[in-house]
């Protein structure tokens, strides 16, 4: 006898001889990571969104753009239990600020939206931060030591700003790394319980890396200073053929 299956298969159990088939409520759930679950399309209706004004300064002067990032709850199965997390699903560049130089931003937002619904937006944004150009550094935002951030291009500056949006929403950590799915489950449950999104913890009183002065800089055969760190503005020296922060924050041009 053929049986038509009209719903998604979420578990599988093989009946042994002499054993009664388990009921639907007794079937174990197959794990389905809500962080990587593919979302076919942007759902209909209203989504919660964050609007951000991004301002940056480069070789062509100060510029500003406005971006929207939409979020939605996504259900999955973790450890045999149904769980819900919040994920970004749409990156949008509002109309009214379009020009020939902004076409790449519109195209990038479309690509990020596809990456978000495909479950790999964290890697996509991190890759954009590696984009460089030949017009010099772009200043955008402040780092954890309250120093200006310098990026290798406008693309990298906007990508960093997007990472900060996702960090403040609780989806990424402060360095742009993915928050584990177990933690995302806790943060979304906390939001439902308290009625507001997860809030980043207050910054700790980290000791800012000490920048060496000219009087204390290595002399003689010491390392040669080749620039300043875009993270903490400390001195960069060549280590293994790569500019590396000598002040101690660990930044390296080679990643």
C-alpha atoms as a PDB file:
ATOM      1  CA  UNK A   1       0.000   0.000   0.000  1.00  0.00           C
ATOM      2  CA  UNK A   2       1.415   3.367  -1.012  1.00  0.00           C
ATOM      3  CA  UNK A   3       1.282   6.188   1.487  1.00  0.00           C
ATOM      4  CA  UNK A   4       1.585   9.804   0.395  1.00  0.00           C
ATOM      5  CA  UNK A   5       3.815  11.968   2.620  1.00  0.00           C
ATOM      6  CA  UNK A   6       2.565  15.554   2.688  1.00  0.00           C
ATOM      7  CA  UNK A   7       4.826  16.971   5.404  1.00  0.00           C
ATOM      8  CA  UNK A   8       8.545  17.239   6.054  1.00  0.00           C
ATOM      9  CA  UNK A   9      10.272  14.108   7.382  1.00  0.00           C
ATOM     10  CA  UNK A  10      11.828  15.038  10.734  1.00  0.00           C
ATOM     11  CA  UNK A  11      12.674  11.566  12.131  1.00  0.00           C
ATOM     12  CA  UNK A  12      13.099   7.937  11.168  1.00  0.00           C
ATOM     13  CA  UNK A  13      12.555   4.746  13.151  1.00  0.00           C
ATOM     14  CA  UNK A  14      12.829   1.119  11.963  1.00  0.00           C
ATOM     15  CA  UNK A  15      10.289  -1.277  13.416  1.00  0.00           C
ATOM     16  CA  UNK A  16      11.728  -4.554  14.701  1.00  0.00           C
ATOM     17  CA  UNK A  17       9.846  -7.869  14.533  1.00  0.00           C
ATOM     18  CA  UNK A  18       7.344  -8.151  17.380  1.00  0.00           C
ATOM     19  CA  UNK A  19       7.715  -4.470  18.300  1.00  0.00           C
ATOM     20  CA  UNK A  20       4.874  -2.042  18.155  1.00  0.00           C
ATOM     21  CA  UNK A  21       5.418   1.043  16.038  1.00  0.00           C
ATOM     22  CA  UNK A  22       5.952   4.196  18.129  1.00  0.00           C
ATOM     23  CA  UNK A  23       3.386   6.930  17.968  1.00  0.00           C
ATOM     24  CA  UNK A  24       4.185  10.254  16.341  1.00  0.00           C
ATOM     25  CA  UNK A  25       4.787  11.907  19.723  1.00  0.00           C
ATOM     26  CA  UNK A  26       7.363   9.262  20.668  1.00  0.00           C
ATOM     27  CA  UNK A  27       9.532   9.598  17.557  1.00  0.00           C
ATOM     28  CA  UNK A  28      12.912  11.217  18.278  1.00  0.00           C
ATOM     29  CA  UNK A  29      13.558  14.481  16.470  1.00  0.00           C
ATOM     30  CA  UNK A  30      16.463  14.700  14.056  1.00  0.00           C
ATOM     31  CA  UNK A  31      18.834  17.579  14.817  1.00  0.00           C
ATOM     32  CA  UNK A  32      18.482  20.507  12.434  1.00  0.00           C
ATOM     33  CA  UNK A  33      20.822  23.435  13.079  1.00  0.00           C
ATOM     34  CA  UNK A  34      18.734  26.634  12.972  1.00  0.00           C
ATOM     35  CA  UNK A  35      21.918  28.619  12.333  1.00  0.00           C
ATOM     36  CA  UNK A  36      22.607  26.963   8.966  1.00  0.00           C
ATOM     37  CA  UNK A  37      19.044  26.122   7.977  1.00  0.00           C
ATOM     38  CA  UNK A  38      18.365  27.458   4.486  1.00  0.00           C
ATOM     39  CA  UNK A  39      15.490  29.935   4.195  1.00  0.00           C
ATOM     40  CA  UNK A  40      14.145  29.730   0.612  1.00  0.00           C
ATOM     41  CA  UNK A  41      12.854  33.293   0.424  1.00  0.00           C
ATOM     42  CA  UNK A  42      12.113  36.381   2.454  1.00  0.00           C
ATOM     43  CA  UNK A  43       8.833  35.654   4.279  1.00  0.00           C
ATOM     44  CA  UNK A  44       5.764  37.760   3.674  1.00  0.00           C
ATOM     45  CA  UNK A  45       4.680  40.312   6.214  1.00  0.00           C
ATOM     46  CA  UNK A  46       6.587  42.468   8.695  1.00  0.00           C
ATOM     47  CA  UNK A  47      10.071  41.739  10.030  1.00  0.00           C
ATOM     48  CA  UNK A  48      11.928  43.520  12.798  1.00  0.00           C
ATOM     49  CA  UNK A  49      14.741  45.637  11.357  1.00  0.00           C
ATOM     50  CA  UNK A  50      17.629  47.808  12.464  1.00  0.00           C
ATOM     51  CA  UNK A  51      18.337  51.057  10.588  1.00  0.00           C
ATOM     52  CA  UNK A  52      21.926  52.247  10.680  1.00  0.00           C
ATOM     53  CA  UNK A  53      23.614  55.415   9.482  1.00  0.00           C
ATOM     54  CA  UNK A  54      27.187  54.595   8.447  1.00  0.00           C
ATOM     55  CA  UNK A  55      29.632  57.460   8.131  1.00  0.00           C
ATOM     56  CA  UNK A  56      33.202  57.071   6.900  1.00  0.00           C
ATOM     57  CA  UNK A  57      36.088  59.221   5.687  1.00  0.00           C
ATOM     58  CA  UNK A  58      38.408  58.299   2.837  1.00  0.00           C
ATOM     59  CA  UNK A  59      40.436  59.856   0.059  1.00  0.00           C
ATOM     60  CA  UNK A  60      37.275  61.353  -1.446  1.00  0.00           C
ATOM     61  CA  UNK A  61      36.137  62.978   1.812  1.00  0.00           C
ATOM     62  CA  UNK A  62      33.337  62.114   4.209  1.00  0.00           C
ATOM     63  CA  UNK A  63      30.492  59.910   3.020  1.00  0.00           C
ATOM     64  CA  UNK A  64      27.422  58.462   4.686  1.00  0.00           C
ATOM     65  CA  UNK A  65      24.985  55.729   3.757  1.00  0.00           C
ATOM     66  CA  UNK A  66      21.920  54.218   5.415  1.00  0.00           C
ATOM     67  CA  UNK A  67      21.407  50.463   5.693  1.00  0.00           C
ATOM     68  CA  UNK A  68      18.602  48.247   6.977  1.00  0.00           C
ATOM     69  CA  UNK A  69      19.127  44.768   8.441  1.00  0.00           C
ATOM     70  CA  UNK A  70      16.028  42.616   9.006  1.00  0.00           C
ATOM     71  CA  UNK A  71      15.826  39.764  11.535  1.00  0.00           C
ATOM     72  CA  UNK A  72      13.431  36.867  12.039  1.00  0.00           C
ATOM     73  CA  UNK A  73      13.061  33.883  14.410  1.00  0.00           C
ATOM     74  CA  UNK A  74      14.190  30.556  12.927  1.00  0.00           C
ATOM     75  CA  UNK A  75      13.188  27.204  14.416  1.00  0.00           C
ATOM     76  CA  UNK A  76      15.411  24.123  14.500  1.00  0.00           C
ATOM     77  CA  UNK A  77      16.170  21.003  16.517  1.00  0.00           C
ATOM     78  CA  UNK A  78      19.118  20.828  18.914  1.00  0.00           C
ATOM     79  CA  UNK A  79      19.817  17.767  21.056  1.00  0.00           C
ATOM     80  CA  UNK A  80      16.415  16.330  20.155  1.00  0.00           C
ATOM     81  CA  UNK A  81      14.585  19.463  21.309  1.00  0.00           C
ATOM     82  CA  UNK A  82      12.941  22.178  19.281  1.00  0.00           C
ATOM     83  CA  UNK A  83      14.723  25.523  19.676  1.00  0.00           C
ATOM     84  CA  UNK A  84      14.380  29.018  18.217  1.00  0.00           C
ATOM     85  CA  UNK A  85      17.064  31.595  17.440  1.00  0.00           C
ATOM     86  CA  UNK A  86      17.040  34.997  15.760  1.00  0.00           C
ATOM     87  CA  UNK A  87      18.892  35.373  12.454  1.00  0.00           C
ATOM     88  CA  UNK A  88      19.477  38.212   9.988  1.00  0.00           C
ATOM     89  CA  UNK A  89      17.670  37.429   6.738  1.00  0.00           C
ATOM     90  CA  UNK A  90      17.762  40.651   4.719  1.00  0.00           C
ATOM     91  CA  UNK A  91      20.224  43.491   4.074  1.00  0.00           C
ATOM     92  CA  UNK A  92      18.677  46.458   2.338  1.00  0.00           C
ATOM     93  CA  UNK A  93      20.012  49.695   0.855  1.00  0.00           C
ATOM     94  CA  UNK A  94      17.081  52.169   0.913  1.00  0.00           C
ATOM     95  CA  UNK A  95      16.225  54.124  -2.201  1.00  0.00           C
ATOM     96  CA  UNK A  96      16.847  57.847  -2.390  1.00  0.00           C
ATOM     97  CA  UNK A  97      20.608  57.537  -1.980  1.00  0.00           C
ATOM     98  CA  UNK A  98      21.350  55.739  -5.221  1.00  0.00           C
ATOM     99  CA  UNK A  99      24.061  56.969  -7.554  1.00  0.00           C
ATOM    100  CA  UNK A 100      26.582  55.388  -9.883  1.00  0.00           C
ATOM    101  CA  UNK A 101      29.099  55.039  -7.046  1.00  0.00           C
ATOM    102  CA  UNK A 102      26.545  53.267  -4.836  1.00  0.00           C
ATOM    103  CA  UNK A 103      25.702  50.487  -7.289  1.00  0.00           C
ATOM    104  CA  UNK A 104      28.230  48.173  -5.660  1.00  0.00           C
ATOM    105  CA  UNK A 105      26.573  48.694  -2.271  1.00  0.00           C
ATOM    106  CA  UNK A 106      23.171  47.671  -3.641  1.00  0.00           C
ATOM    107  CA  UNK A 107      24.691  44.602  -5.309  1.00  0.00           C
ATOM    108  CA  UNK A 108      26.563  43.668  -2.124  1.00  0.00           C
ATOM    109  CA  UNK A 109      23.422  43.944   0.009  1.00  0.00           C
ATOM    110  CA  UNK A 110      21.597  41.587  -2.333  1.00  0.00           C
ATOM    111  CA  UNK A 111      24.447  39.080  -2.088  1.00  0.00           C
ATOM    112  CA  UNK A 112      24.508  39.359   1.711  1.00  0.00           C
ATOM    113  CA  UNK A 113      20.754  38.736   1.826  1.00  0.00           C
ATOM    114  CA  UNK A 114      21.254  35.501  -0.114  1.00  0.00           C
ATOM    115  CA  UNK A 115      24.112  34.541   2.211  1.00  0.00           C
ATOM    116  CA  UNK A 116      21.971  35.285   5.281  1.00  0.00           C
ATOM    117  CA  UNK A 117      19.116  33.076   4.076  1.00  0.00           C
ATOM    118  CA  UNK A 118      21.640  30.416   3.072  1.00  0.00           C
ATOM    119  CA  UNK A 119      23.135  30.310   6.559  1.00  0.00           C
ATOM    120  CA  UNK A 120      26.659  31.623   5.884  1.00  0.00           C
ATOM    121  CA  UNK A 121      26.387  35.383   6.337  1.00  0.00           C
ATOM    122  CA  UNK A 122      29.131  35.466   9.005  1.00  0.00           C
ATOM    123  CA  UNK A 123      31.728  34.185   6.534  1.00  0.00           C
ATOM    124  CA  UNK A 124      30.422  36.465   3.775  1.00  0.00           C
ATOM    125  CA  UNK A 125      30.792  39.631   5.887  1.00  0.00           C
ATOM    126  CA  UNK A 126      34.234  38.531   7.126  1.00  0.00           C
ATOM    127  CA  UNK A 127      35.383  38.101   3.513  1.00  0.00           C
ATOM    128  CA  UNK A 128      34.195  41.618   2.642  1.00  0.00           C
ATOM    129  CA  UNK A 129      36.431  43.016   5.388  1.00  0.00           C
ATOM    130  CA  UNK A 130      39.434  41.701   3.457  1.00  0.00           C
ATOM    131  CA  UNK A 131      38.660  43.780   0.344  1.00  0.00           C
ATOM    132  CA  UNK A 132      41.351  46.395  -0.336  1.00  0.00           C
ATOM    133  CA  UNK A 133      41.767  49.225  -2.846  1.00  0.00           C
ATOM    134  CA  UNK A 134      44.471  51.671  -3.942  1.00  0.00           C
ATOM    135  CA  UNK A 135      42.917  54.893  -2.557  1.00  0.00           C
ATOM    136  CA  UNK A 136      44.331  54.630   0.958  1.00  0.00           C
ATOM    137  CA  UNK A 137      42.813  53.748   4.314  1.00  0.00           C
ATOM    138  CA  UNK A 138      39.191  54.558   5.191  1.00  0.00           C
ATOM    139  CA  UNK A 139      38.327  55.782   8.678  1.00  0.00           C
ATOM    140  CA  UNK A 140      35.105  54.395  10.118  1.00  0.00           C
ATOM    141  CA  UNK A 141      34.058  53.773  13.723  1.00  0.00           C
ATOM    142  CA  UNK A 142      35.957  53.317  16.981  1.00  0.00           C
ATOM    143  CA  UNK A 143      37.573  50.188  18.371  1.00  0.00           C
ATOM    144  CA  UNK A 144      37.275  48.768  21.895  1.00  0.00           C
ATOM    145  CA  UNK A 145      40.040  51.115  23.078  1.00  0.00           C
ATOM    146  CA  UNK A 146      38.068  54.117  21.803  1.00  0.00           C
ATOM    147  CA  UNK A 147      40.558  54.688  18.991  1.00  0.00           C
ATOM    148  CA  UNK A 148      39.593  55.367  15.349  1.00  0.00           C
ATOM    149  CA  UNK A 149      39.270  52.320  13.114  1.00  0.00           C
ATOM    150  CA  UNK A 150      41.023  52.341   9.730  1.00  0.00           C
ATOM    151  CA  UNK A 151      39.978  49.952   6.976  1.00  0.00           C
ATOM    152  CA  UNK A 152      41.525  48.922   3.670  1.00  0.00           C
ATOM    153  CA  UNK A 153      38.561  50.122   1.567  1.00  0.00           C
ATOM    154  CA  UNK A 154      35.007  51.453   1.671  1.00  0.00           C
ATOM    155  CA  UNK A 155      33.785  47.871   1.282  1.00  0.00           C
ATOM    156  CA  UNK A 156      35.759  46.802   4.351  1.00  0.00           C
ATOM    157  CA  UNK A 157      34.477  49.789   6.348  1.00  0.00           C
ATOM    158  CA  UNK A 158      30.823  49.016   5.596  1.00  0.00           C
ATOM    159  CA  UNK A 159      31.413  45.306   6.295  1.00  0.00           C
ATOM    160  CA  UNK A 160      32.862  46.205   9.703  1.00  0.00           C
ATOM    161  CA  UNK A 161      29.818  48.390  10.407  1.00  0.00           C
ATOM    162  CA  UNK A 162      27.526  45.477   9.550  1.00  0.00           C
ATOM    163  CA  UNK A 163      29.469  43.256  11.943  1.00  0.00           C
ATOM    164  CA  UNK A 164      28.855  45.824  14.674  1.00  0.00           C
ATOM    165  CA  UNK A 165      25.109  45.779  13.959  1.00  0.00           C
ATOM    166  CA  UNK A 166      25.076  41.991  14.273  1.00  0.00           C
ATOM    167  CA  UNK A 167      27.196  42.196  17.441  1.00  0.00           C
ATOM    168  CA  UNK A 168      24.816  44.608  19.141  1.00  0.00           C
ATOM    169  CA  UNK A 169      21.936  42.315  18.165  1.00  0.00           C
ATOM    170  CA  UNK A 170      23.760  39.368  19.792  1.00  0.00           C
ATOM    171  CA  UNK A 171      24.390  37.379  16.603  1.00  0.00           C
ATOM    172  CA  UNK A 172      28.190  37.900  16.487  1.00  0.00           C
ATOM    173  CA  UNK A 173      30.798  38.545  19.145  1.00  0.00           C
ATOM    174  CA  UNK A 174      32.740  41.817  19.321  1.00  0.00           C
ATOM    175  CA  UNK A 175      35.424  40.499  16.948  1.00  0.00           C
ATOM    176  CA  UNK A 176      32.912  39.468  14.264  1.00  0.00           C
ATOM    177  CA  UNK A 177      32.959  35.735  15.085  1.00  0.00           C
ATOM    178  CA  UNK A 178      29.828  33.619  15.097  1.00  0.00           C
ATOM    179  CA  UNK A 179      28.139  33.171  18.484  1.00  0.00           C
ATOM    180  CA  UNK A 180      27.481  29.427  19.103  1.00  0.00           C
ATOM    181  CA  UNK A 181      23.953  28.277  18.395  1.00  0.00           C
ATOM    182  CA  UNK A 182      23.423  27.225  22.028  1.00  0.00           C
ATOM    183  CA  UNK A 183      24.103  30.790  23.153  1.00  0.00           C
ATOM    184  CA  UNK A 184      21.820  32.173  20.441  1.00  0.00           C
ATOM    185  CA  UNK A 185      19.018  29.992  21.809  1.00  0.00           C
ATOM    186  CA  UNK A 186      19.559  31.428  25.305  1.00  0.00           C
ATOM    187  CA  UNK A 187      19.646  35.010  24.061  1.00  0.00           C
ATOM    188  CA  UNK A 188      16.419  34.664  22.108  1.00  0.00           C
ATOM    189  CA  UNK A 189      14.696  32.992  25.060  1.00  0.00           C
ATOM    190  CA  UNK A 190      15.898  35.870  27.254  1.00  0.00           C
ATOM    191  CA  UNK A 191      14.409  38.333  24.819  1.00  0.00           C
ATOM    192  CA  UNK A 192      11.022  36.583  24.888  1.00  0.00           C
ATOM    193  CA  UNK A 193      11.102  36.518  28.678  1.00  0.00           C
ATOM    194  CA  UNK A 194      12.110  40.142  29.198  1.00  0.00           C
ATOM    195  CA  UNK A 195      10.593  41.772  26.119  1.00  0.00           C
ATOM    196  CA  UNK A 196      13.779  43.322  24.761  1.00  0.00           C
ATOM    197  CA  UNK A 197      16.795  42.139  22.697  1.00  0.00           C
ATOM    198  CA  UNK A 198      19.957  40.819  24.289  1.00  0.00           C
ATOM    199  CA  UNK A 199      22.255  43.680  25.261  1.00  0.00           C
ATOM    200  CA  UNK A 200      26.067  43.567  24.928  1.00  0.00           C
ATOM    201  CA  UNK A 201      27.830  43.584  28.303  1.00  0.00           C
ATOM    202  CA  UNK A 202      29.372  46.785  29.527  1.00  0.00           C
ATOM    203  CA  UNK A 203      32.966  47.097  28.277  1.00  0.00           C
ATOM    204  CA  UNK A 204      35.508  45.947  30.823  1.00  0.00           C
ATOM    205  CA  UNK A 205      38.273  48.211  31.963  1.00  0.00           C
ATOM    206  CA  UNK A 206      40.752  46.647  29.591  1.00  0.00           C
ATOM    207  CA  UNK A 207      44.219  48.038  29.788  1.00  0.00           C
ATOM    208  CA  UNK A 208      44.981  49.720  26.491  1.00  0.00           C
ATOM    209  CA  UNK A 209      48.161  48.412  24.904  1.00  0.00           C
ATOM    210  CA  UNK A 210      50.976  50.776  25.690  1.00  0.00           C
ATOM    211  CA  UNK A 211      52.325  52.551  22.617  1.00  0.00           C
ATOM    212  CA  UNK A 212      56.077  52.896  22.764  1.00  0.00           C
ATOM    213  CA  UNK A 213      57.409  56.405  22.538  1.00  0.00           C
ATOM    214  CA  UNK A 214      60.420  57.419  20.551  1.00  0.00           C
ATOM    215  CA  UNK A 215      62.516  57.439  23.736  1.00  0.00           C
ATOM    216  CA  UNK A 216      61.632  53.832  24.536  1.00  0.00           C
ATOM    217  CA  UNK A 217      61.616  52.502  20.975  1.00  0.00           C
ATOM    218  CA  UNK A 218      64.151  49.807  20.181  1.00  0.00           C
ATOM    219  CA  UNK A 219      67.454  51.236  19.103  1.00  0.00           C
ATOM    220  CA  UNK A 220      70.296  49.946  16.998  1.00  0.00           C
ATOM    221  CA  UNK A 221      69.406  46.534  15.624  1.00  0.00           C
ATOM    222  CA  UNK A 222      65.804  46.717  16.900  1.00  0.00           C
ATOM    223  CA  UNK A 223      62.743  46.316  14.657  1.00  0.00           C
ATOM    224  CA  UNK A 224      61.990  48.979  12.077  1.00  0.00           C
ATOM    225  CA  UNK A 225      58.665  50.790  12.418  1.00  0.00           C
ATOM    226  CA  UNK A 226      56.695  50.549   9.159  1.00  0.00           C
ATOM    227  CA  UNK A 227      53.427  52.270  10.149  1.00  0.00           C
ATOM    228  CA  UNK A 228      50.703  52.382  12.772  1.00  0.00           C
ATOM    229  CA  UNK A 229      48.198  49.701  13.783  1.00  0.00           C
ATOM    230  CA  UNK A 230      44.627  50.351  12.514  1.00  0.00           C
ATOM    231  CA  UNK A 231      43.260  48.747  15.700  1.00  0.00           C
ATOM    232  CA  UNK A 232      45.110  50.507  18.524  1.00  0.00           C
ATOM    233  CA  UNK A 233      47.331  53.012  16.607  1.00  0.00           C
ATOM    234  CA  UNK A 234      50.443  51.346  18.029  1.00  0.00           C
ATOM    235  CA  UNK A 235      53.603  50.883  15.962  1.00  0.00           C
ATOM    236  CA  UNK A 236      53.801  48.262  13.227  1.00  0.00           C
ATOM    237  CA  UNK A 237      56.989  46.277  12.650  1.00  0.00           C
ATOM    238  CA  UNK A 238      57.866  43.661  10.060  1.00  0.00           C
ATOM    239  CA  UNK A 239      57.559  40.125  11.418  1.00  0.00           C
ATOM    240  CA  UNK A 240      57.984  37.208   9.009  1.00  0.00           C
ATOM    241  CA  UNK A 241      57.521  39.634   6.134  1.00  0.00           C
ATOM    242  CA  UNK A 242      54.196  40.951   7.446  1.00  0.00           C
ATOM    243  CA  UNK A 243      53.404  44.281   9.227  1.00  0.00           C
ATOM    244  CA  UNK A 244      52.477  43.333  12.804  1.00  0.00           C
ATOM    245  CA  UNK A 245      51.422  45.437  15.793  1.00  0.00           C
ATOM    246  CA  UNK A 246      54.345  45.941  18.192  1.00  0.00           C
ATOM    247  CA  UNK A 247      52.114  47.461  20.909  1.00  0.00           C
ATOM    248  CA  UNK A 248      50.581  44.103  21.803  1.00  0.00           C
ATOM    249  CA  UNK A 249      47.000  44.061  20.453  1.00  0.00           C
ATOM    250  CA  UNK A 250      47.971  41.275  18.034  1.00  0.00           C
ATOM    251  CA  UNK A 251      46.798  42.891  14.780  1.00  0.00           C
ATOM    252  CA  UNK A 252      48.548  41.635  11.654  1.00  0.00           C
ATOM    253  CA  UNK A 253      48.211  42.705   8.022  1.00  0.00           C
ATOM    254  CA  UNK A 254      48.352  39.036   7.001  1.00  0.00           C
ATOM    255  CA  UNK A 255      45.431  38.085   9.254  1.00  0.00           C
END
